[in-house]
């Protein structure tokens, strides 16, 4: 019982830390380039959004093995 609870807590901690770190990096990369052109900013935004979604998908797929 205790081992299962510890594994569940570790899984939740991994998910929370992974997503918070990823979202902070994505937000930093999206919000930092203020002085570049609108087209470049849009391309950067969509690139970061795509990789954020891709990493979220793989993280969910990876954690599905621990359920």
PDB file of N, CA and C in Angstrom:
ATOM      1  N   UNK A   1       0.837  -1.204   0.000  1.00  0.00           N
ATOM      2  CA  UNK A   1       0.000   0.000   0.000  1.00  0.00           C
ATOM      3  C   UNK A   1       0.872   1.254   0.000  1.00  0.00           C
ATOM      4  N   UNK A   2       1.850   1.249   0.893  1.00  0.00           N
ATOM      5  CA  UNK A   2       2.736   2.409   0.999  1.00  0.00           C
ATOM      6  C   UNK A   2       3.589   2.571  -0.254  1.00  0.00           C
ATOM      7  N   UNK A   3       4.024   1.444  -0.800  1.00  0.00           N
ATOM      8  CA  UNK A   3       4.844   1.485  -2.012  1.00  0.00           C
ATOM      9  C   UNK A   3       4.052   2.042  -3.193  1.00  0.00           C
ATOM     10  N   UNK A   4       2.793   1.628  -3.305  1.00  0.00           N
ATOM     11  CA  UNK A   4       1.934   2.134  -4.388  1.00  0.00           C
ATOM     12  C   UNK A   4       1.682   3.628  -4.211  1.00  0.00           C
ATOM     13  N   UNK A   5       1.498   4.050  -2.967  1.00  0.00           N
ATOM     14  CA  UNK A   5       1.260   5.476  -2.698  1.00  0.00           C
ATOM     15  C   UNK A   5       2.502   6.293  -3.041  1.00  0.00           C
ATOM     16  N   UNK A   6       3.682   5.780  -2.680  1.00  0.00           N
ATOM     17  CA  UNK A   6       4.928   6.478  -3.008  1.00  0.00           C
ATOM     18  C   UNK A   6       5.133   6.567  -4.510  1.00  0.00           C
ATOM     19  N   UNK A   7       4.803   5.500  -5.225  1.00  0.00           N
ATOM     20  CA  UNK A   7       4.939   5.509  -6.686  1.00  0.00           C
ATOM     21  C   UNK A   7       3.987   6.521  -7.306  1.00  0.00           C
ATOM     22  N   UNK A   8       2.777   6.586  -6.767  1.00  0.00           N
ATOM     23  CA  UNK A   8       1.795   7.549  -7.287  1.00  0.00           C
ATOM     24  C   UNK A   8       2.263   8.978  -7.024  1.00  0.00           C
ATOM     25  N   UNK A   9       2.779   9.232  -5.822  1.00  0.00           N
ATOM     26  CA  UNK A   9       3.295  10.568  -5.501  1.00  0.00           C
ATOM     27  C   UNK A   9       4.472  10.935  -6.388  1.00  0.00           C
ATOM     28  N   UNK A  10       5.348   9.978  -6.651  1.00  0.00           N
ATOM     29  CA  UNK A  10       6.501  10.237  -7.521  1.00  0.00           C
ATOM     30  C   UNK A  10       6.038  10.548  -8.936  1.00  0.00           C
ATOM     31  N   UNK A  11       5.035   9.815  -9.409  1.00  0.00           N
ATOM     32  CA  UNK A  11       4.498  10.055 -10.753  1.00  0.00           C
ATOM     33  C   UNK A  11       3.889  11.457 -10.832  1.00  0.00           C
ATOM     34  N   UNK A  12       3.102  11.820  -9.820  1.00  0.00           N
ATOM     35  CA  UNK A  12       2.487  13.153  -9.807  1.00  0.00           C
ATOM     36  C   UNK A  12       3.546  14.246  -9.741  1.00  0.00           C
ATOM     37  N   UNK A  13       4.576  14.038  -8.945  1.00  0.00           N
ATOM     38  CA  UNK A  13       5.649  15.024  -8.850  1.00  0.00           C
ATOM     39  C   UNK A  13       6.374  15.169 -10.178  1.00  0.00           C
ATOM     40  N   UNK A  14       6.625  14.043 -10.850  1.00  0.00           N
ATOM     41  CA  UNK A  14       7.293  14.080 -12.150  1.00  0.00           C
ATOM     42  C   UNK A  14       6.463  14.865 -13.154  1.00  0.00           C
ATOM     43  N   UNK A  15       5.162  14.586 -13.194  1.00  0.00           N
ATOM     44  CA  UNK A  15       4.285  15.271 -14.155  1.00  0.00           C
ATOM     45  C   UNK A  15       4.251  16.765 -13.860  1.00  0.00           C
ATOM     46  N   UNK A  16       4.065  17.123 -12.583  1.00  0.00           N
ATOM     47  CA  UNK A  16       3.973  18.546 -12.222  1.00  0.00           C
ATOM     48  C   UNK A  16       5.273  19.282 -12.513  1.00  0.00           C
ATOM     49  N   UNK A  17       6.396  18.695 -12.139  1.00  0.00           N
ATOM     50  CA  UNK A  17       7.676  19.374 -12.350  1.00  0.00           C
ATOM     51  C   UNK A  17       7.989  19.471 -13.836  1.00  0.00           C
ATOM     52  N   UNK A  18       7.670  18.420 -14.594  1.00  0.00           N
ATOM     53  CA  UNK A  18       7.947  18.433 -16.032  1.00  0.00           C
ATOM     54  C   UNK A  18       7.130  19.515 -16.713  1.00  0.00           C
ATOM     55  N   UNK A  19       5.830  19.567 -16.400  1.00  0.00           N
ATOM     56  CA  UNK A  19       4.973  20.540 -17.068  1.00  0.00           C
ATOM     57  C   UNK A  19       5.278  21.957 -16.622  1.00  0.00           C
ATOM     58  N   UNK A  20       5.593  22.158 -15.341  1.00  0.00           N
ATOM     59  CA  UNK A  20       5.887  23.517 -14.892  1.00  0.00           C
ATOM     60  C   UNK A  20       7.185  24.010 -15.522  1.00  0.00           C
ATOM     61  N   UNK A  21       8.181  23.139 -15.612  1.00  0.00           N
ATOM     62  CA  UNK A  21       9.445  23.533 -16.236  1.00  0.00           C
ATOM     63  C   UNK A  21       9.256  23.827 -17.718  1.00  0.00           C
ATOM     64  N   UNK A  22       8.503  22.961 -18.395  1.00  0.00           N
ATOM     65  CA  UNK A  22       8.270  23.145 -19.825  1.00  0.00           C
ATOM     66  C   UNK A  22       7.477  24.417 -20.081  1.00  0.00           C
ATOM     67  N   UNK A  23       6.441  24.648 -19.269  1.00  0.00           N
ATOM     68  CA  UNK A  23       5.614  25.828 -19.509  1.00  0.00           C
ATOM     69  C   UNK A  23       6.398  27.100 -19.216  1.00  0.00           C
ATOM     70  N   UNK A  24       7.265  27.069 -18.195  1.00  0.00           N
ATOM     71  CA  UNK A  24       8.084  28.251 -17.907  1.00  0.00           C
ATOM     72  C   UNK A  24       9.055  28.536 -19.040  1.00  0.00           C
ATOM     73  N   UNK A  25       9.665  27.493 -19.576  1.00  0.00           N
ATOM     74  CA  UNK A  25      10.577  27.681 -20.707  1.00  0.00           C
ATOM     75  C   UNK A  25       9.841  28.201 -21.929  1.00  0.00           C
ATOM     76  N   UNK A  26       8.672  27.621 -22.195  1.00  0.00           N
ATOM     77  CA  UNK A  26       7.892  28.051 -23.358  1.00  0.00           C
ATOM     78  C   UNK A  26       7.445  29.498 -23.193  1.00  0.00           C
ATOM     79  N   UNK A  27       7.000  29.851 -21.993  1.00  0.00           N
ATOM     80  CA  UNK A  27       6.577  31.240 -21.752  1.00  0.00           C
ATOM     81  C   UNK A  27       7.752  32.197 -21.890  1.00  0.00           C
ATOM     82  N   UNK A  28       8.900  31.799 -21.370  1.00  0.00           N
ATOM     83  CA  UNK A  28      10.081  32.650 -21.497  1.00  0.00           C
ATOM     84  C   UNK A  28      10.441  32.862 -22.960  1.00  0.00           C
ATOM     85  N   UNK A  29      10.428  31.774 -23.727  1.00  0.00           N
ATOM     86  CA  UNK A  29      10.798  31.880 -25.138  1.00  0.00           C
ATOM     87  C   UNK A  29       9.769  32.648 -25.947  1.00  0.00           C
ATOM     88  N   UNK A  30       8.509  32.592 -25.533  1.00  0.00           N
ATOM     89  CA  UNK A  30       7.471  33.324 -26.265  1.00  0.00           C
ATOM     90  C   UNK A  30       7.489  34.803 -25.896  1.00  0.00           C
ATOM     91  N   UNK A  31       7.670  35.110 -24.619  1.00  0.00           N
ATOM     92  CA  UNK A  31       7.531  36.496 -24.165  1.00  0.00           C
ATOM     93  C   UNK A  31       8.809  37.318 -24.270  1.00  0.00           C
ATOM     94  N   UNK A  32       9.970  36.660 -24.340  1.00  0.00           N
ATOM     95  CA  UNK A  32      11.222  37.419 -24.395  1.00  0.00           C
ATOM     96  C   UNK A  32      11.415  38.231 -25.672  1.00  0.00           C
ATOM     97  N   UNK A  33      11.233  37.655 -26.862  1.00  0.00           N
ATOM     98  CA  UNK A  33      11.581  38.416 -28.072  1.00  0.00           C
ATOM     99  C   UNK A  33      10.548  39.483 -28.413  1.00  0.00           C
ATOM    100  N   UNK A  34      10.636  40.613 -27.747  1.00  0.00           N
ATOM    101  CA  UNK A  34       9.687  41.709 -27.966  1.00  0.00           C
ATOM    102  C   UNK A  34      10.115  42.560 -29.151  1.00  0.00           C
ATOM    103  N   UNK A  35      11.410  42.650 -29.385  1.00  0.00           N
ATOM    104  CA  UNK A  35      11.916  43.613 -30.361  1.00  0.00           C
ATOM    105  C   UNK A  35      12.117  43.039 -31.757  1.00  0.00           C
ATOM    106  N   UNK A  36      11.637  41.817 -31.998  1.00  0.00           N
ATOM    107  CA  UNK A  36      11.749  41.277 -33.349  1.00  0.00           C
ATOM    108  C   UNK A  36      10.450  41.550 -34.105  1.00  0.00           C
ATOM    109  N   UNK A  37      10.475  41.308 -35.402  1.00  0.00           N
ATOM    110  CA  UNK A  37       9.309  41.642 -36.223  1.00  0.00           C
ATOM    111  C   UNK A  37       8.121  40.743 -35.886  1.00  0.00           C
ATOM    112  N   UNK A  38       6.951  41.182 -36.297  1.00  0.00           N
ATOM    113  CA  UNK A  38       5.724  40.457 -35.995  1.00  0.00           C
ATOM    114  C   UNK A  38       5.713  39.074 -36.659  1.00  0.00           C
ATOM    115  N   UNK A  39       6.213  38.986 -37.889  1.00  0.00           N
ATOM    116  CA  UNK A  39       6.230  37.698 -38.598  1.00  0.00           C
ATOM    117  C   UNK A  39       7.144  36.695 -37.891  1.00  0.00           C
ATOM    118  N   UNK A  40       8.340  37.155 -37.506  1.00  0.00           N
ATOM    119  CA  UNK A  40       9.264  36.268 -36.788  1.00  0.00           C
ATOM    120  C   UNK A  40       8.680  35.841 -35.444  1.00  0.00           C
ATOM    121  N   UNK A  41       8.016  36.769 -34.775  1.00  0.00           N
ATOM    122  CA  UNK A  41       7.415  36.459 -33.486  1.00  0.00           C
ATOM    123  C   UNK A  41       6.325  35.402 -33.645  1.00  0.00           C
ATOM    124  N   UNK A  42       5.533  35.541 -34.710  1.00  0.00           N
ATOM    125  CA  UNK A  42       4.463  34.577 -34.967  1.00  0.00           C
ATOM    126  C   UNK A  42       5.034  33.191 -35.261  1.00  0.00           C
ATOM    127  N   UNK A  43       6.081  33.139 -36.090  1.00  0.00           N
ATOM    128  CA  UNK A  43       6.715  31.850 -36.397  1.00  0.00           C
ATOM    129  C   UNK A  43       7.296  31.208 -35.140  1.00  0.00           C
ATOM    130  N   UNK A  44       7.950  32.014 -34.315  1.00  0.00           N
ATOM    131  CA  UNK A  44       8.526  31.504 -33.070  1.00  0.00           C
ATOM    132  C   UNK A  44       7.431  30.978 -32.148  1.00  0.00           C
ATOM    133  N   UNK A  45       6.327  31.719 -32.073  1.00  0.00           N
ATOM    134  CA  UNK A  45       5.214  31.310 -31.221  1.00  0.00           C
ATOM    135  C   UNK A  45       4.664  29.956 -31.659  1.00  0.00           C
ATOM    136  N   UNK A  46       4.430  29.796 -32.959  1.00  0.00           N
ATOM    137  CA  UNK A  46       3.868  28.533 -33.435  1.00  0.00           C
ATOM    138  C   UNK A  46       4.858  27.380 -33.297  1.00  0.00           C
ATOM    139  N   UNK A  47       6.141  27.663 -33.475  1.00  0.00           N
ATOM    140  CA  UNK A  47       7.157  26.627 -33.295  1.00  0.00           C
ATOM    141  C   UNK A  47       7.182  26.157 -31.841  1.00  0.00           C
ATOM    142  N   UNK A  48       7.175  27.096 -30.909  1.00  0.00           N
ATOM    143  CA  UNK A  48       7.199  26.736 -29.494  1.00  0.00           C
ATOM    144  C   UNK A  48       5.921  26.016 -29.090  1.00  0.00           C
ATOM    145  N   UNK A  49       4.799  26.469 -29.636  1.00  0.00           N
ATOM    146  CA  UNK A  49       3.523  25.833 -29.328  1.00  0.00           C
ATOM    147  C   UNK A  49       3.512  24.386 -29.813  1.00  0.00           C
ATOM    148  N   UNK A  50       4.051  24.158 -31.007  1.00  0.00           N
ATOM    149  CA  UNK A  50       4.106  22.807 -31.566  1.00  0.00           C
ATOM    150  C   UNK A  50       4.976  21.898 -30.703  1.00  0.00           C
ATOM    151  N   UNK A  51       6.166  22.370 -30.317  1.00  0.00           N
ATOM    152  CA  UNK A  51       7.055  21.523 -29.524  1.00  0.00           C
ATOM    153  C   UNK A  51       6.526  21.312 -28.112  1.00  0.00           C
ATOM    154  N   UNK A  52       5.815  22.316 -27.580  1.00  0.00           N
ATOM    155  CA  UNK A  52       5.205  22.158 -26.263  1.00  0.00           C
ATOM    156  C   UNK A  52       4.122  21.077 -26.310  1.00  0.00           C
ATOM    157  N   UNK A  53       3.292  21.110 -27.353  1.00  0.00           N
ATOM    158  CA  UNK A  53       2.237  20.103 -27.495  1.00  0.00           C
ATOM    159  C   UNK A  53       2.834  18.717 -27.715  1.00  0.00           C
ATOM    160  N   UNK A  54       3.893  18.651 -28.500  1.00  0.00           N
ATOM    161  CA  UNK A  54       4.554  17.372 -28.773  1.00  0.00           C
ATOM    162  C   UNK A  54       5.155  16.789 -27.492  1.00  0.00           C
ATOM    163  N   UNK A  55       5.818  17.628 -26.705  1.00  0.00           N
ATOM    164  CA  UNK A  55       6.420  17.140 -25.463  1.00  0.00           C
ATOM    165  C   UNK A  55       5.346  16.732 -24.459  1.00  0.00           C
ATOM    166  N   UNK A  56       4.218  17.460 -24.441  1.00  0.00           N
ATOM    167  CA  UNK A  56       3.119  17.085 -23.547  1.00  0.00           C
ATOM    168  C   UNK A  56       2.542  15.731 -23.950  1.00  0.00           C
ATOM    169  N   UNK A  57       2.417  15.498 -25.249  1.00  0.00           N
ATOM    170  CA  UNK A  57       1.903  14.210 -25.731  1.00  0.00           C
ATOM    171  C   UNK A  57       2.831  13.068 -25.322  1.00  0.00           C
ATOM    172  N   UNK A  58       4.136  13.259 -25.513  1.00  0.00           N
ATOM    173  CA  UNK A  58       5.068  12.187 -25.175  1.00  0.00           C
ATOM    174  C   UNK A  58       5.159  11.979 -23.667  1.00  0.00           C
ATOM    175  N   UNK A  59       5.028  13.039 -22.892  1.00  0.00           N
ATOM    176  CA  UNK A  59       5.040  12.890 -21.434  1.00  0.00           C
ATOM    177  C   UNK A  59       3.818  12.102 -20.980  1.00  0.00           C
ATOM    178  N   UNK A  60       2.684  12.373 -21.597  1.00  0.00           N
ATOM    179  CA  UNK A  60       1.472  11.641 -21.236  1.00  0.00           C
ATOM    180  C   UNK A  60       1.596  10.177 -21.659  1.00  0.00           C
ATOM    181  N   UNK A  61       2.141   9.951 -22.825  1.00  0.00           N
ATOM    182  CA  UNK A  61       2.337   8.588 -23.317  1.00  0.00           C
ATOM    183  C   UNK A  61       3.315   7.833 -22.413  1.00  0.00           C
ATOM    184  N   UNK A  62       4.360   8.530 -21.968  1.00  0.00           N
ATOM    185  CA  UNK A  62       5.364   7.914 -21.104  1.00  0.00           C
ATOM    186  C   UNK A  62       4.774   7.560 -19.745  1.00  0.00           C
ATOM    187  N   UNK A  63       3.980   8.471 -19.172  1.00  0.00           N
ATOM    188  CA  UNK A  63       3.435   8.228 -17.835  1.00  0.00           C
ATOM    189  C   UNK A  63       2.287   7.226 -17.863  1.00  0.00           C
ATOM    190  N   UNK A  64       1.749   6.913 -19.044  1.00  0.00           N
ATOM    191  CA  UNK A  64       0.663   5.931 -19.119  1.00  0.00           C
ATOM    192  C   UNK A  64       1.141   4.542 -18.689  1.00  0.00           C
ATOM    193  N   UNK A  65       2.429   4.274 -18.795  1.00  0.00           N
ATOM    194  CA  UNK A  65       2.957   2.972 -18.389  1.00  0.00           C
ATOM    195  C   UNK A  65       2.934   2.793 -16.873  1.00  0.00           C
ATOM    196  N   UNK A  66       2.867   3.883 -16.118  1.00  0.00           N
ATOM    197  CA  UNK A  66       2.923   3.787 -14.658  1.00  0.00           C
ATOM    198  C   UNK A  66       1.546   3.758 -14.012  1.00  0.00           C
ATOM    199  N   UNK A  67       0.487   3.785 -14.809  1.00  0.00           N
ATOM    200  CA  UNK A  67      -0.861   3.766 -14.217  1.00  0.00           C
ATOM    201  C   UNK A  67      -1.255   2.368 -13.817  1.00  0.00           C
TER     202      UNK A  67
END
